[in-house]
Amino acid sequence: MYGLKKKINGFINASIGVSAIFVALGVLFLFFPETSLDVIRWIITAFCMIAGIYFIAADFSKRKISPFFSTTALGAVLVIVALVFAVYPNVMNIFPIAIGAWFIISALSSLRFATTLKGTGAGSLSIVATVLAFVCGLLLIFNPWGGQISIMVFAGIMMIIYGISNIIQMATIKSNIKDVSEAFKQMAKEIDDIPEAKTTTKKEK
């Protein structure tokens, strides 16, 4: 039980940390949309270029990163991605879509934790926060706004809403960690019991 609680607490703490980063980035996007956009674009460009050159160099110097495939192709793809981001600023239009996809995946992942507290006030609050994060993701993907700056301002607002709602949700789950752990333990027990039940039935036959 202690091990399970520790793992769930680790997930919750990591999620709160990521959400805090989203809130901070959301504030930057909201008040400095153009500057933030350029900074992120050049960070992505630098990261892809450095990683791409490293993978290519590692392959040519026979410092194999993976024994199963050549990293030259991966390095070349990363270098091309870096050049695309450097030459075409409009490529950042996909950034809000990527963030929206993250929100949706995160919301669906958190839904399992929320449902373990169903029937309680904490569970209701957690489910509302999950639905809010999911809606923020959809709004970012199907953004009705036009223009990069408007999109970044909108993305900033959505990131702040997502971050705050997720922090509230994780804090709620953390405060009910014992109930959540018991629920997951019960689910694991039910799954473990299924093969045993089938085996017993076959033996009786």
N, C-alpha and C. Protein backbone atom coordinates (compact mmCIF):
# COMPACT_ATOMS: atom_id res chain seq x y z
N MET A 1 0.83 -1.21 0.00
CA MET A 1 0.00 0.00 0.00
C MET A 1 0.85 1.26 0.00
N TYR A 2 1.93 1.22 0.83
CA TYR A 2 2.80 2.40 0.91
C TYR A 2 3.45 2.68 -0.44
N GLY A 3 3.87 1.58 -1.14
CA GLY A 3 4.50 1.74 -2.44
C GLY A 3 3.55 2.36 -3.45
N LEU A 4 2.29 1.93 -3.43
CA LEU A 4 1.29 2.48 -4.34
C LEU A 4 1.03 3.94 -4.05
N LYS A 5 0.88 4.28 -2.76
CA LYS A 5 0.67 5.68 -2.37
C LYS A 5 1.84 6.55 -2.80
N LYS A 6 3.05 6.00 -2.68
CA LYS A 6 4.24 6.75 -3.06
C LYS A 6 4.25 7.03 -4.56
N LYS A 7 3.86 6.03 -5.38
CA LYS A 7 3.82 6.21 -6.83
C LYS A 7 2.76 7.22 -7.24
N ILE A 8 1.58 7.13 -6.60
CA ILE A 8 0.50 8.08 -6.92
C ILE A 8 0.91 9.49 -6.51
N ASN A 9 1.54 9.62 -5.33
CA ASN A 9 2.01 10.93 -4.89
C ASN A 9 3.05 11.49 -5.85
N GLY A 10 3.92 10.62 -6.37
CA GLY A 10 4.93 11.06 -7.33
C GLY A 10 4.29 11.60 -8.59
N PHE A 11 3.25 10.87 -9.08
CA PHE A 11 2.53 11.32 -10.27
C PHE A 11 1.85 12.67 -10.02
N ILE A 12 1.21 12.79 -8.85
CA ILE A 12 0.49 14.02 -8.50
C ILE A 12 1.46 15.21 -8.42
N ASN A 13 2.59 15.01 -7.74
CA ASN A 13 3.57 16.10 -7.59
C ASN A 13 4.13 16.52 -8.95
N ALA A 14 4.40 15.53 -9.82
CA ALA A 14 4.91 15.85 -11.15
C ALA A 14 3.86 16.63 -11.95
N SER A 15 2.59 16.21 -11.83
CA SER A 15 1.51 16.87 -12.55
C SER A 15 1.32 18.31 -12.07
N ILE A 16 1.45 18.52 -10.75
CA ILE A 16 1.33 19.88 -10.20
C ILE A 16 2.48 20.74 -10.72
N GLY A 17 3.69 20.17 -10.77
CA GLY A 17 4.84 20.91 -11.28
C GLY A 17 4.67 21.32 -12.73
N VAL A 18 4.19 20.38 -13.57
CA VAL A 18 3.95 20.68 -14.99
C VAL A 18 2.86 21.73 -15.13
N SER A 19 1.83 21.63 -14.31
CA SER A 19 0.73 22.61 -14.37
C SER A 19 1.21 24.00 -13.99
N ALA A 20 2.09 24.08 -13.00
CA ALA A 20 2.65 25.38 -12.59
C ALA A 20 3.45 25.99 -13.73
N ILE A 21 4.18 25.15 -14.47
CA ILE A 21 4.93 25.63 -15.64
C ILE A 21 3.97 26.16 -16.70
N PHE A 22 2.86 25.45 -16.92
CA PHE A 22 1.86 25.90 -17.89
C PHE A 22 1.28 27.26 -17.49
N VAL A 23 1.01 27.44 -16.20
CA VAL A 23 0.47 28.72 -15.73
C VAL A 23 1.49 29.84 -16.00
N ALA A 24 2.77 29.58 -15.69
CA ALA A 24 3.81 30.59 -15.91
C ALA A 24 3.94 30.92 -17.40
N LEU A 25 3.95 29.88 -18.24
CA LEU A 25 4.03 30.11 -19.69
C LEU A 25 2.78 30.83 -20.19
N GLY A 26 1.63 30.47 -19.63
CA GLY A 26 0.39 31.12 -20.02
C GLY A 26 0.41 32.61 -19.75
N VAL A 27 0.97 33.00 -18.60
CA VAL A 27 1.10 34.43 -18.26
C VAL A 27 2.01 35.13 -19.26
N LEU A 28 3.12 34.48 -19.63
CA LEU A 28 4.04 35.07 -20.61
C LEU A 28 3.36 35.22 -21.97
N PHE A 29 2.62 34.18 -22.40
CA PHE A 29 1.93 34.25 -23.68
C PHE A 29 0.86 35.34 -23.68
N LEU A 30 0.21 35.50 -22.53
CA LEU A 30 -0.88 36.47 -22.43
C LEU A 30 -0.38 37.91 -22.52
N PHE A 31 0.74 38.19 -21.84
CA PHE A 31 1.23 39.58 -21.78
C PHE A 31 2.36 39.87 -22.78
N PHE A 32 3.07 38.81 -23.21
CA PHE A 32 4.15 39.01 -24.19
C PHE A 32 4.03 37.97 -25.31
N PRO A 33 2.92 38.01 -26.05
CA PRO A 33 2.68 36.94 -27.04
C PRO A 33 3.73 36.86 -28.14
N GLU A 34 4.11 37.99 -28.70
CA GLU A 34 5.04 37.98 -29.84
C GLU A 34 6.43 37.54 -29.40
N THR A 35 6.91 38.10 -28.30
CA THR A 35 8.24 37.73 -27.79
C THR A 35 8.29 36.26 -27.39
N SER A 36 7.26 35.80 -26.70
CA SER A 36 7.21 34.40 -26.26
C SER A 36 7.24 33.45 -27.44
N LEU A 37 6.52 33.81 -28.49
CA LEU A 37 6.46 32.98 -29.69
C LEU A 37 7.83 32.82 -30.31
N ASP A 38 8.55 33.93 -30.44
CA ASP A 38 9.89 33.90 -31.03
C ASP A 38 10.87 33.12 -30.16
N VAL A 39 10.78 33.31 -28.85
CA VAL A 39 11.69 32.62 -27.93
C VAL A 39 11.48 31.11 -28.03
N ILE A 40 10.23 30.67 -28.02
CA ILE A 40 9.94 29.24 -28.10
C ILE A 40 10.40 28.67 -29.44
N ARG A 41 10.18 29.43 -30.51
CA ARG A 41 10.61 28.96 -31.84
C ARG A 41 12.12 28.75 -31.90
N TRP A 42 12.88 29.68 -31.34
CA TRP A 42 14.34 29.55 -31.38
C TRP A 42 14.84 28.48 -30.41
N ILE A 43 14.13 28.27 -29.32
CA ILE A 43 14.50 27.18 -28.40
C ILE A 43 14.32 25.84 -29.10
N ILE A 44 13.16 25.68 -29.79
CA ILE A 44 12.91 24.44 -30.53
C ILE A 44 13.95 24.26 -31.63
N THR A 45 14.26 25.35 -32.34
CA THR A 45 15.26 25.29 -33.41
C THR A 45 16.62 24.85 -32.88
N ALA A 46 17.06 25.47 -31.79
CA ALA A 46 18.37 25.13 -31.21
C ALA A 46 18.40 23.70 -30.71
N PHE A 47 17.32 23.29 -30.03
CA PHE A 47 17.28 21.93 -29.48
C PHE A 47 17.34 20.88 -30.59
N CYS A 48 16.51 21.05 -31.63
CA CYS A 48 16.49 20.08 -32.73
C CYS A 48 17.82 20.05 -33.48
N MET A 49 18.42 21.22 -33.68
CA MET A 49 19.70 21.29 -34.40
C MET A 49 20.80 20.59 -33.60
N ILE A 50 20.90 20.89 -32.31
CA ILE A 50 21.94 20.28 -31.46
C ILE A 50 21.74 18.77 -31.36
N ALA A 51 20.47 18.36 -31.12
CA ALA A 51 20.18 16.92 -31.01
C ALA A 51 20.45 16.21 -32.33
N GLY A 52 20.08 16.84 -33.45
CA GLY A 52 20.29 16.23 -34.77
C GLY A 52 21.78 16.03 -35.07
N ILE A 53 22.58 17.08 -34.82
CA ILE A 53 24.02 16.98 -35.06
C ILE A 53 24.64 15.93 -34.14
N TYR A 54 24.18 15.88 -32.91
CA TYR A 54 24.71 14.88 -31.97
C TYR A 54 24.44 13.46 -32.45
N PHE A 55 23.21 13.19 -32.90
CA PHE A 55 22.85 11.85 -33.36
C PHE A 55 23.66 11.45 -34.59
N ILE A 56 23.84 12.41 -35.51
CA ILE A 56 24.62 12.12 -36.72
C ILE A 56 26.08 11.85 -36.36
N ALA A 57 26.64 12.73 -35.52
CA ALA A 57 28.03 12.58 -35.11
C ALA A 57 28.26 11.28 -34.36
N ALA A 58 27.31 10.91 -33.50
CA ALA A 58 27.42 9.67 -32.72
C ALA A 58 27.45 8.46 -33.65
N ASP A 59 26.64 8.51 -34.70
CA ASP A 59 26.59 7.39 -35.64
C ASP A 59 27.89 7.27 -36.42
N PHE A 60 28.41 8.41 -36.89
CA PHE A 60 29.63 8.39 -37.69
C PHE A 60 30.86 8.05 -36.85
N SER A 61 30.83 8.40 -35.57
CA SER A 61 31.97 8.08 -34.70
C SER A 61 31.85 6.70 -34.07
N LYS A 62 30.82 5.97 -34.53
CA LYS A 62 30.57 4.59 -34.08
C LYS A 62 30.24 4.50 -32.59
N ARG A 63 29.78 5.62 -32.01
CA ARG A 63 29.28 5.58 -30.63
C ARG A 63 27.78 5.29 -30.72
N LYS A 64 27.46 4.03 -30.83
CA LYS A 64 26.08 3.62 -31.07
C LYS A 64 25.19 3.97 -29.89
N ILE A 65 24.15 4.75 -30.16
CA ILE A 65 23.16 5.06 -29.14
C ILE A 65 22.18 3.91 -29.02
N SER A 66 21.87 3.30 -30.15
CA SER A 66 20.98 2.12 -30.16
C SER A 66 21.57 1.06 -31.07
N PRO A 67 21.57 -0.20 -30.63
CA PRO A 67 22.10 -1.27 -31.48
C PRO A 67 21.13 -1.70 -32.58
N PHE A 68 19.90 -1.19 -32.54
CA PHE A 68 18.86 -1.67 -33.45
C PHE A 68 18.70 -0.80 -34.71
N PHE A 69 19.09 0.45 -34.67
CA PHE A 69 18.91 1.29 -35.85
C PHE A 69 19.97 2.39 -35.90
N SER A 70 20.17 2.91 -37.12
CA SER A 70 21.12 4.00 -37.31
C SER A 70 20.45 5.32 -36.90
N THR A 71 21.21 6.13 -36.15
CA THR A 71 20.64 7.41 -35.69
C THR A 71 20.88 8.54 -36.69
N THR A 72 21.55 8.23 -37.82
CA THR A 72 21.80 9.26 -38.82
C THR A 72 20.49 9.80 -39.40
N ALA A 73 19.56 8.88 -39.70
CA ALA A 73 18.27 9.30 -40.26
C ALA A 73 17.51 10.17 -39.27
N LEU A 74 17.49 9.77 -38.00
CA LEU A 74 16.81 10.57 -36.97
C LEU A 74 17.47 11.93 -36.84
N GLY A 75 18.81 11.95 -36.85
CA GLY A 75 19.54 13.22 -36.76
C GLY A 75 19.23 14.12 -37.94
N ALA A 76 19.16 13.55 -39.13
CA ALA A 76 18.86 14.33 -40.33
C ALA A 76 17.46 14.94 -40.25
N VAL A 77 16.49 14.15 -39.75
CA VAL A 77 15.11 14.65 -39.60
C VAL A 77 15.08 15.83 -38.63
N LEU A 78 15.80 15.70 -37.52
CA LEU A 78 15.84 16.78 -36.52
C LEU A 78 16.48 18.04 -37.09
N VAL A 79 17.53 17.88 -37.87
CA VAL A 79 18.18 19.04 -38.49
C VAL A 79 17.21 19.72 -39.46
N ILE A 80 16.48 18.92 -40.24
CA ILE A 80 15.49 19.49 -41.18
C ILE A 80 14.40 20.23 -40.41
N VAL A 81 13.92 19.63 -39.31
CA VAL A 81 12.90 20.29 -38.47
C VAL A 81 13.44 21.62 -37.95
N ALA A 82 14.70 21.65 -37.52
CA ALA A 82 15.32 22.87 -37.01
C ALA A 82 15.35 23.94 -38.10
N LEU A 83 15.70 23.55 -39.32
CA LEU A 83 15.76 24.51 -40.44
C LEU A 83 14.37 25.04 -40.78
N VAL A 84 13.37 24.16 -40.72
CA VAL A 84 11.99 24.58 -41.00
C VAL A 84 11.54 25.62 -39.98
N PHE A 85 11.82 25.36 -38.70
CA PHE A 85 11.44 26.32 -37.65
C PHE A 85 12.20 27.63 -37.79
N ALA A 86 13.44 27.57 -38.26
CA ALA A 86 14.25 28.77 -38.40
C ALA A 86 13.81 29.62 -39.59
N VAL A 87 13.43 28.96 -40.68
CA VAL A 87 13.12 29.67 -41.93
C VAL A 87 11.65 30.07 -42.03
N TYR A 88 10.76 29.25 -41.45
CA TYR A 88 9.33 29.51 -41.58
C TYR A 88 8.70 29.79 -40.21
N PRO A 89 8.63 31.05 -39.80
CA PRO A 89 8.04 31.40 -38.49
C PRO A 89 6.59 30.95 -38.34
N ASN A 90 5.87 30.89 -39.46
CA ASN A 90 4.45 30.51 -39.39
C ASN A 90 4.23 29.08 -38.93
N VAL A 91 5.30 28.28 -38.89
CA VAL A 91 5.16 26.91 -38.43
C VAL A 91 4.70 26.86 -36.97
N MET A 92 4.90 27.97 -36.25
CA MET A 92 4.47 28.01 -34.85
C MET A 92 2.96 28.01 -34.69
N ASN A 93 2.24 28.09 -35.82
CA ASN A 93 0.78 27.99 -35.74
C ASN A 93 0.33 26.62 -35.21
N ILE A 94 1.22 25.61 -35.33
CA ILE A 94 0.87 24.28 -34.82
C ILE A 94 1.07 24.18 -33.31
N PHE A 95 1.74 25.17 -32.72
CA PHE A 95 2.06 25.10 -31.29
C PHE A 95 0.80 25.00 -30.43
N PRO A 96 -0.20 25.86 -30.62
CA PRO A 96 -1.43 25.74 -29.81
C PRO A 96 -2.12 24.40 -30.00
N ILE A 97 -2.04 23.82 -31.22
CA ILE A 97 -2.66 22.53 -31.47
C ILE A 97 -1.96 21.44 -30.65
N ALA A 98 -0.62 21.52 -30.62
CA ALA A 98 0.15 20.54 -29.83
C ALA A 98 -0.18 20.67 -28.34
N ILE A 99 -0.30 21.90 -27.86
CA ILE A 99 -0.65 22.12 -26.45
C ILE A 99 -2.06 21.60 -26.17
N GLY A 100 -2.99 21.85 -27.12
CA GLY A 100 -4.35 21.35 -26.96
C GLY A 100 -4.40 19.84 -26.88
N ALA A 101 -3.60 19.17 -27.71
CA ALA A 101 -3.54 17.71 -27.68
C ALA A 101 -3.01 17.22 -26.33
N TRP A 102 -2.02 17.93 -25.78
CA TRP A 102 -1.48 17.59 -24.46
C TRP A 102 -2.57 17.69 -23.40
N PHE A 103 -3.36 18.79 -23.46
CA PHE A 103 -4.44 19.00 -22.48
C PHE A 103 -5.43 17.84 -22.52
N ILE A 104 -5.81 17.42 -23.72
CA ILE A 104 -6.80 16.35 -23.87
C ILE A 104 -6.26 15.03 -23.32
N ILE A 105 -5.02 14.70 -23.68
CA ILE A 105 -4.39 13.47 -23.18
C ILE A 105 -4.28 13.50 -21.66
N SER A 106 -3.87 14.65 -21.14
CA SER A 106 -3.73 14.81 -19.69
C SER A 106 -5.08 14.66 -18.99
N ALA A 107 -6.13 15.25 -19.58
CA ALA A 107 -7.47 15.17 -18.99
C ALA A 107 -7.97 13.74 -18.96
N LEU A 108 -7.76 13.01 -20.05
CA LEU A 108 -8.19 11.62 -20.11
C LEU A 108 -7.42 10.75 -19.12
N SER A 109 -6.13 11.07 -18.94
CA SER A 109 -5.32 10.32 -17.97
C SER A 109 -5.78 10.59 -16.54
N SER A 110 -6.14 11.85 -16.28
CA SER A 110 -6.55 12.23 -14.93
C SER A 110 -7.96 11.75 -14.59
N LEU A 111 -8.74 11.43 -15.63
CA LEU A 111 -10.13 11.03 -15.41
C LEU A 111 -10.22 9.77 -14.55
N ARG A 112 -9.24 8.89 -14.70
CA ARG A 112 -9.25 7.64 -13.92
C ARG A 112 -9.12 7.94 -12.43
N PHE A 113 -8.27 8.93 -12.11
CA PHE A 113 -8.12 9.32 -10.71
C PHE A 113 -9.42 9.95 -10.21
N ALA A 114 -10.03 10.78 -11.06
CA ALA A 114 -11.25 11.48 -10.66
C ALA A 114 -12.39 10.50 -10.36
N THR A 115 -12.49 9.45 -11.19
CA THR A 115 -13.59 8.51 -11.00
C THR A 115 -13.45 7.66 -9.75
N THR A 116 -12.22 7.57 -9.20
CA THR A 116 -12.04 6.80 -7.96
C THR A 116 -12.68 7.51 -6.77
N LEU A 117 -12.97 8.81 -6.94
CA LEU A 117 -13.59 9.59 -5.85
C LEU A 117 -15.05 9.92 -6.17
N LYS A 118 -15.64 9.20 -7.14
CA LYS A 118 -17.02 9.52 -7.54
C LYS A 118 -17.97 9.34 -6.35
N GLY A 119 -18.99 10.20 -6.34
CA GLY A 119 -19.96 10.15 -5.25
C GLY A 119 -19.60 11.04 -4.08
N THR A 120 -18.44 11.71 -4.16
CA THR A 120 -18.03 12.62 -3.10
C THR A 120 -17.88 14.02 -3.67
N GLY A 121 -17.83 15.02 -2.77
CA GLY A 121 -17.63 16.40 -3.21
C GLY A 121 -16.29 16.57 -3.89
N ALA A 122 -15.26 15.89 -3.35
CA ALA A 122 -13.92 15.95 -3.94
C ALA A 122 -13.92 15.35 -5.34
N GLY A 123 -14.68 14.25 -5.50
CA GLY A 123 -14.76 13.61 -6.81
C GLY A 123 -15.43 14.50 -7.84
N SER A 124 -16.50 15.16 -7.42
CA SER A 124 -17.22 16.07 -8.33
C SER A 124 -16.32 17.22 -8.77
N LEU A 125 -15.57 17.79 -7.82
CA LEU A 125 -14.67 18.89 -8.15
C LEU A 125 -13.58 18.42 -9.10
N SER A 126 -13.07 17.23 -8.86
CA SER A 126 -12.02 16.66 -9.70
C SER A 126 -12.52 16.41 -11.12
N ILE A 127 -13.74 15.90 -11.24
CA ILE A 127 -14.32 15.63 -12.57
C ILE A 127 -14.57 16.94 -13.31
N VAL A 128 -15.04 17.96 -12.62
CA VAL A 128 -15.25 19.27 -13.25
C VAL A 128 -13.94 19.82 -13.79
N ALA A 129 -12.86 19.68 -13.00
CA ALA A 129 -11.54 20.16 -13.43
C ALA A 129 -11.06 19.39 -14.66
N THR A 130 -11.33 18.08 -14.69
CA THR A 130 -10.95 17.25 -15.84
C THR A 130 -11.69 17.68 -17.09
N VAL A 131 -13.00 17.89 -16.96
CA VAL A 131 -13.82 18.33 -18.10
C VAL A 131 -13.34 19.69 -18.59
N LEU A 132 -13.00 20.59 -17.67
CA LEU A 132 -12.53 21.93 -18.03
C LEU A 132 -11.23 21.83 -18.83
N ALA A 133 -10.31 20.97 -18.38
CA ALA A 133 -9.04 20.78 -19.10
C ALA A 133 -9.29 20.22 -20.50
N PHE A 134 -10.24 19.28 -20.60
CA PHE A 134 -10.58 18.69 -21.89
C PHE A 134 -11.14 19.75 -22.84
N VAL A 135 -12.02 20.60 -22.33
CA VAL A 135 -12.62 21.66 -23.15
C VAL A 135 -11.55 22.65 -23.61
N CYS A 136 -10.62 22.98 -22.71
CA CYS A 136 -9.52 23.89 -23.09
C CYS A 136 -8.71 23.30 -24.24
N GLY A 137 -8.48 21.99 -24.17
CA GLY A 137 -7.75 21.32 -25.25
C GLY A 137 -8.49 21.40 -26.57
N LEU A 138 -9.79 21.15 -26.54
CA LEU A 138 -10.59 21.22 -27.76
C LEU A 138 -10.59 22.64 -28.34
N LEU A 139 -10.72 23.63 -27.48
CA LEU A 139 -10.74 25.02 -27.94
C LEU A 139 -9.42 25.41 -28.61
N LEU A 140 -8.30 24.89 -28.08
CA LEU A 140 -7.01 25.19 -28.68
C LEU A 140 -6.84 24.50 -30.04
N ILE A 141 -7.34 23.28 -30.14
CA ILE A 141 -7.21 22.56 -31.42
C ILE A 141 -8.11 23.16 -32.49
N PHE A 142 -9.36 23.49 -32.10
CA PHE A 142 -10.30 24.07 -33.05
C PHE A 142 -10.44 25.57 -32.79
N ASN A 143 -9.30 26.24 -32.73
CA ASN A 143 -9.24 27.65 -32.36
C ASN A 143 -9.95 28.53 -33.41
N PRO A 144 -10.98 29.27 -33.00
CA PRO A 144 -11.68 30.13 -33.95
C PRO A 144 -10.98 31.46 -34.20
N TRP A 145 -9.92 31.73 -33.46
CA TRP A 145 -9.25 33.01 -33.58
C TRP A 145 -8.31 33.00 -34.78
N GLY A 146 -7.98 34.19 -35.28
CA GLY A 146 -7.07 34.30 -36.42
C GLY A 146 -5.83 35.08 -36.06
N GLY A 147 -4.73 34.77 -36.74
CA GLY A 147 -3.48 35.50 -36.50
C GLY A 147 -2.67 34.88 -35.39
N GLN A 148 -1.35 34.87 -35.56
CA GLN A 148 -0.48 34.23 -34.58
C GLN A 148 -0.58 34.86 -33.20
N ILE A 149 -0.59 36.20 -33.14
CA ILE A 149 -0.59 36.88 -31.84
C ILE A 149 -1.89 36.59 -31.09
N SER A 150 -3.01 36.66 -31.81
CA SER A 150 -4.31 36.36 -31.18
C SER A 150 -4.34 34.93 -30.67
N ILE A 151 -3.79 34.01 -31.47
CA ILE A 151 -3.75 32.61 -31.08
C ILE A 151 -2.92 32.43 -29.81
N MET A 152 -1.77 33.11 -29.74
CA MET A 152 -0.90 32.96 -28.57
C MET A 152 -1.55 33.54 -27.32
N VAL A 153 -2.26 34.66 -27.47
CA VAL A 153 -2.98 35.24 -26.32
C VAL A 153 -4.04 34.26 -25.86
N PHE A 154 -4.80 33.71 -26.81
CA PHE A 154 -5.84 32.72 -26.49
C PHE A 154 -5.22 31.49 -25.85
N ALA A 155 -4.07 31.04 -26.41
CA ALA A 155 -3.38 29.87 -25.84
C ALA A 155 -2.94 30.15 -24.41
N GLY A 156 -2.48 31.37 -24.17
CA GLY A 156 -2.06 31.76 -22.83
C GLY A 156 -3.20 31.66 -21.83
N ILE A 157 -4.37 32.15 -22.22
CA ILE A 157 -5.55 32.09 -21.35
C ILE A 157 -5.92 30.63 -21.06
N MET A 158 -5.92 29.82 -22.11
CA MET A 158 -6.27 28.39 -21.95
C MET A 158 -5.26 27.67 -21.06
N MET A 159 -3.98 28.01 -21.21
CA MET A 159 -2.93 27.37 -20.40
C MET A 159 -3.07 27.74 -18.92
N ILE A 160 -3.44 28.99 -18.67
CA ILE A 160 -3.64 29.43 -17.27
C ILE A 160 -4.83 28.68 -16.67
N ILE A 161 -5.94 28.61 -17.43
CA ILE A 161 -7.14 27.91 -16.94
C ILE A 161 -6.83 26.45 -16.70
N TYR A 162 -6.14 25.83 -17.68
CA TYR A 162 -5.79 24.41 -17.54
C TYR A 162 -4.89 24.18 -16.33
N GLY A 163 -3.85 25.00 -16.21
CA GLY A 163 -2.89 24.83 -15.12
C GLY A 163 -3.55 24.96 -13.75
N ILE A 164 -4.36 25.99 -13.57
CA ILE A 164 -5.01 26.21 -12.28
C ILE A 164 -6.00 25.08 -11.97
N SER A 165 -6.80 24.68 -12.99
CA SER A 165 -7.79 23.62 -12.76
C SER A 165 -7.10 22.29 -12.45
N ASN A 166 -5.97 22.03 -13.11
CA ASN A 166 -5.27 20.77 -12.87
C ASN A 166 -4.60 20.76 -11.50
N ILE A 167 -4.08 21.91 -11.07
CA ILE A 167 -3.49 22.00 -9.74
C ILE A 167 -4.56 21.74 -8.67
N ILE A 168 -5.76 22.34 -8.88
CA ILE A 168 -6.87 22.11 -7.94
C ILE A 168 -7.25 20.64 -7.91
N GLN A 169 -7.32 20.03 -9.12
CA GLN A 169 -7.69 18.62 -9.20
C GLN A 169 -6.67 17.73 -8.49
N MET A 170 -5.38 17.95 -8.76
CA MET A 170 -4.33 17.13 -8.15
C MET A 170 -4.27 17.34 -6.63
N ALA A 171 -4.49 18.58 -6.20
CA ALA A 171 -4.51 18.86 -4.76
C ALA A 171 -5.67 18.14 -4.09
N THR A 172 -6.82 18.09 -4.80
CA THR A 172 -7.99 17.39 -4.27
C THR A 172 -7.71 15.88 -4.16
N ILE A 173 -7.10 15.33 -5.19
CA ILE A 173 -6.77 13.90 -5.17
C ILE A 173 -5.74 13.61 -4.08
N LYS A 174 -4.76 14.51 -3.94
CA LYS A 174 -3.72 14.32 -2.93
C LYS A 174 -4.30 14.32 -1.52
N SER A 175 -5.32 15.17 -1.31
CA SER A 175 -5.93 15.23 0.02
C SER A 175 -6.77 13.99 0.31
N ASN A 176 -7.09 13.23 -0.74
CA ASN A 176 -7.85 11.98 -0.58
C ASN A 176 -7.02 10.79 -1.04
N ILE A 177 -5.72 10.87 -0.84
CA ILE A 177 -4.80 9.86 -1.36
C ILE A 177 -5.11 8.47 -0.83
N LYS A 178 -5.57 8.38 0.41
CA LYS A 178 -5.87 7.07 1.00
C LYS A 178 -7.01 6.38 0.25
N ASP A 179 -8.08 7.14 -0.05
CA ASP A 179 -9.22 6.58 -0.78
C ASP A 179 -8.82 6.19 -2.20
N VAL A 180 -8.01 7.03 -2.83
CA VAL A 180 -7.56 6.75 -4.20
C VAL A 180 -6.72 5.47 -4.23
N SER A 181 -5.81 5.34 -3.28
CA SER A 181 -4.96 4.15 -3.20
C SER A 181 -5.79 2.89 -2.99
N GLU A 182 -6.79 2.98 -2.11
CA GLU A 182 -7.66 1.84 -1.84
C GLU A 182 -8.43 1.45 -3.11
N ALA A 183 -8.89 2.46 -3.85
CA ALA A 183 -9.65 2.20 -5.07
C ALA A 183 -8.79 1.50 -6.12
N PHE A 184 -7.54 1.97 -6.29
CA PHE A 184 -6.64 1.37 -7.26
C PHE A 184 -6.24 -0.04 -6.82
N LYS A 185 -6.06 -0.22 -5.52
CA LYS A 185 -5.73 -1.55 -5.00
C LYS A 185 -6.86 -2.52 -5.26
N GLN A 186 -8.10 -2.07 -5.09
CA GLN A 186 -9.26 -2.91 -5.33
C GLN A 186 -9.39 -3.26 -6.81
N MET A 187 -9.11 -2.27 -7.69
CA MET A 187 -9.17 -2.53 -9.13
C MET A 187 -8.12 -3.56 -9.54
N ALA A 188 -6.91 -3.44 -8.98
CA ALA A 188 -5.84 -4.38 -9.28
C ALA A 188 -6.21 -5.79 -8.80
N LYS A 189 -6.85 -5.87 -7.65
CA LYS A 189 -7.27 -7.16 -7.09
C LYS A 189 -8.32 -7.81 -7.98
N GLU A 190 -9.27 -7.01 -8.47
CA GLU A 190 -10.32 -7.53 -9.34
C GLU A 190 -9.74 -8.06 -10.64
N ILE A 191 -8.73 -7.35 -11.17
CA ILE A 191 -8.08 -7.81 -12.41
C ILE A 191 -7.33 -9.11 -12.17
N ASP A 192 -6.63 -9.20 -11.02
CA ASP A 192 -5.88 -10.41 -10.69
C ASP A 192 -6.79 -11.61 -10.48
N ASP A 193 -8.01 -11.35 -10.02
CA ASP A 193 -8.94 -12.44 -9.72
C ASP A 193 -9.57 -13.05 -10.98
N ILE A 194 -9.53 -12.32 -12.09
CA ILE A 194 -10.19 -12.80 -13.31
C ILE A 194 -9.59 -14.10 -13.83
N PRO A 195 -8.26 -14.22 -14.01
CA PRO A 195 -7.70 -15.50 -14.49
C PRO A 195 -7.97 -16.65 -13.53
N GLU A 196 -7.96 -16.38 -12.22
CA GLU A 196 -8.22 -17.41 -11.23
C GLU A 196 -9.64 -17.95 -11.36
N ALA A 197 -10.57 -17.03 -11.61
CA ALA A 197 -11.97 -17.44 -11.76
C ALA A 197 -12.15 -18.34 -12.98
N LYS A 198 -11.43 -17.97 -14.10
CA LYS A 198 -11.52 -18.77 -15.31
C LYS A 198 -10.92 -20.16 -15.10
N THR A 199 -9.79 -20.22 -14.41
CA THR A 199 -9.12 -21.49 -14.13
C THR A 199 -10.00 -22.40 -13.30
N THR A 200 -10.65 -21.82 -12.28
CA THR A 200 -11.53 -22.59 -11.39
C THR A 200 -12.70 -23.17 -12.17
N THR A 201 -13.26 -22.37 -13.08
CA THR A 201 -14.40 -22.82 -13.90
C THR A 201 -14.02 -24.00 -14.78
N LYS A 202 -12.81 -23.92 -15.38
CA LYS A 202 -12.36 -24.99 -16.24
C LYS A 202 -12.15 -26.28 -15.46
N LYS A 203 -11.60 -26.17 -14.24
CA LYS A 203 -11.36 -27.34 -13.40
C LYS A 203 -12.67 -28.01 -13.01
N GLU A 204 -13.71 -27.19 -12.71
CA GLU A 204 -15.01 -27.74 -12.33
C GLU A 204 -15.64 -28.51 -13.47
N LYS A 205 -15.42 -28.01 -14.70
CA LYS A 205 -15.96 -28.70 -15.86
C LYS A 205 -15.27 -30.04 -16.07
